[in-house]
């Protein structure tokens, strides 16, 4: 079953390759969606995939996919009625 979530990630997550490493992790677990920097210094992720793959993806994001980054807080929100994505994209 496909699920969709929004993750708001706070900490040292900008200027450290966090978005691009998140894309690599998403590709590894066959997650689709987007990752984007936000003006407040956080990162917003929309992720879609099977429950087990999403759980692995969330765990990798919490651990920071880049060694230069650090996640202080992660807010997870389930999403409904989301348009299907066919790949995972880094948004500028």
Protein backbone atom coordinates (compact mmCIF):
# COMPACT_ATOMS: atom_id res chain seq x y z
CA UNK A 1 0.00 0.00 0.00
CA UNK A 2 1.30 3.46 -0.93
CA UNK A 3 1.36 6.03 1.84
CA UNK A 4 2.30 9.70 1.76
CA UNK A 5 3.89 11.78 4.50
CA UNK A 6 5.32 15.23 5.01
CA UNK A 7 8.49 15.57 7.05
CA UNK A 8 9.70 18.88 8.44
CA UNK A 9 13.35 18.48 9.39
CA UNK A 10 15.12 20.91 11.73
CA UNK A 11 18.78 21.12 12.69
CA UNK A 12 21.91 21.45 10.59
CA UNK A 13 20.15 20.52 7.37
CA UNK A 14 21.03 23.32 4.92
CA UNK A 15 24.39 23.89 3.28
CA UNK A 16 25.60 20.37 4.10
CA UNK A 17 24.31 18.33 1.14
CA UNK A 18 21.26 17.16 3.08
CA UNK A 19 18.79 17.39 0.17
CA UNK A 20 21.01 15.52 -2.29
CA UNK A 21 21.84 12.78 0.21
CA UNK A 22 18.13 12.52 1.06
CA UNK A 23 17.48 11.90 -2.64
CA UNK A 24 20.04 9.07 -2.67
CA UNK A 25 18.35 7.49 0.35
CA UNK A 26 14.92 7.91 -1.26
CA UNK A 27 16.15 6.25 -4.45
CA UNK A 28 17.63 3.37 -2.42
CA UNK A 29 14.26 2.67 -0.77
CA UNK A 30 12.18 3.41 -3.92
CA UNK A 31 10.53 6.44 -2.31
CA UNK A 32 9.04 9.13 -4.55
CA UNK A 33 8.36 12.78 -3.71
CA UNK A 34 10.31 15.99 -3.15
CA UNK A 35 12.79 17.63 -0.80
CA UNK A 36 13.19 21.40 -0.49
CA UNK A 37 14.90 23.99 1.69
CA UNK A 38 12.64 26.34 3.60
CA UNK A 39 13.26 29.99 4.49
CA UNK A 40 13.40 29.19 8.23
CA UNK A 41 16.45 26.92 7.77
CA UNK A 42 14.52 23.66 7.86
CA UNK A 43 13.92 21.15 5.08
CA UNK A 44 10.50 19.97 3.88
CA UNK A 45 10.12 16.46 2.47
CA UNK A 46 7.08 14.95 0.78
CA UNK A 47 7.59 11.18 0.59
CA UNK A 48 5.46 8.42 -0.90
CA UNK A 49 5.90 4.67 -0.82
CA UNK A 50 5.03 1.43 0.94
CA UNK A 51 4.88 1.58 4.74
CA UNK A 52 8.00 -0.53 5.34
CA UNK A 53 10.08 1.52 2.88
CA UNK A 54 8.83 4.80 4.39
CA UNK A 55 9.80 3.62 7.87
CA UNK A 56 13.36 2.87 6.69
CA UNK A 57 13.51 6.19 4.86
CA UNK A 58 12.33 8.13 7.94
CA UNK A 59 14.94 6.36 10.07
CA UNK A 60 17.68 7.34 7.64
CA UNK A 61 16.48 10.96 7.57
CA UNK A 62 16.38 11.10 11.40
CA UNK A 63 19.97 9.84 11.49
CA UNK A 64 20.92 12.55 8.90
CA UNK A 65 21.82 11.12 5.50
CA UNK A 66 24.92 13.36 5.39
CA UNK A 67 27.74 13.16 7.93
CA UNK A 68 28.01 16.98 7.97
CA UNK A 69 24.35 17.37 8.96
CA UNK A 70 22.50 16.87 12.21
CA UNK A 71 18.77 16.45 12.78
CA UNK A 72 17.51 18.07 15.98
CA UNK A 73 13.80 17.59 15.35
CA UNK A 74 11.60 15.87 12.80
CA UNK A 75 7.86 16.53 12.49
CA UNK A 76 5.93 13.87 10.59
CA UNK A 77 2.45 14.48 9.16
CA UNK A 78 0.44 11.90 7.20
CA UNK A 79 -0.94 13.21 3.91
CA UNK A 80 -4.09 12.30 1.99
CA UNK A 81 -5.16 13.06 -1.58
CA UNK A 82 -1.61 13.70 -2.80
CA UNK A 83 -0.80 13.67 -6.51
CA UNK A 84 1.33 10.64 -7.36
CA UNK A 85 5.02 11.29 -8.04
CA UNK A 86 7.03 8.94 -10.22
CA UNK A 87 10.47 9.94 -8.93
CA UNK A 88 12.14 11.75 -6.03
CA UNK A 89 13.21 15.30 -6.85
CA UNK A 90 15.36 17.94 -5.19
CA UNK A 91 13.55 21.28 -5.38
CA UNK A 92 15.68 24.46 -5.51
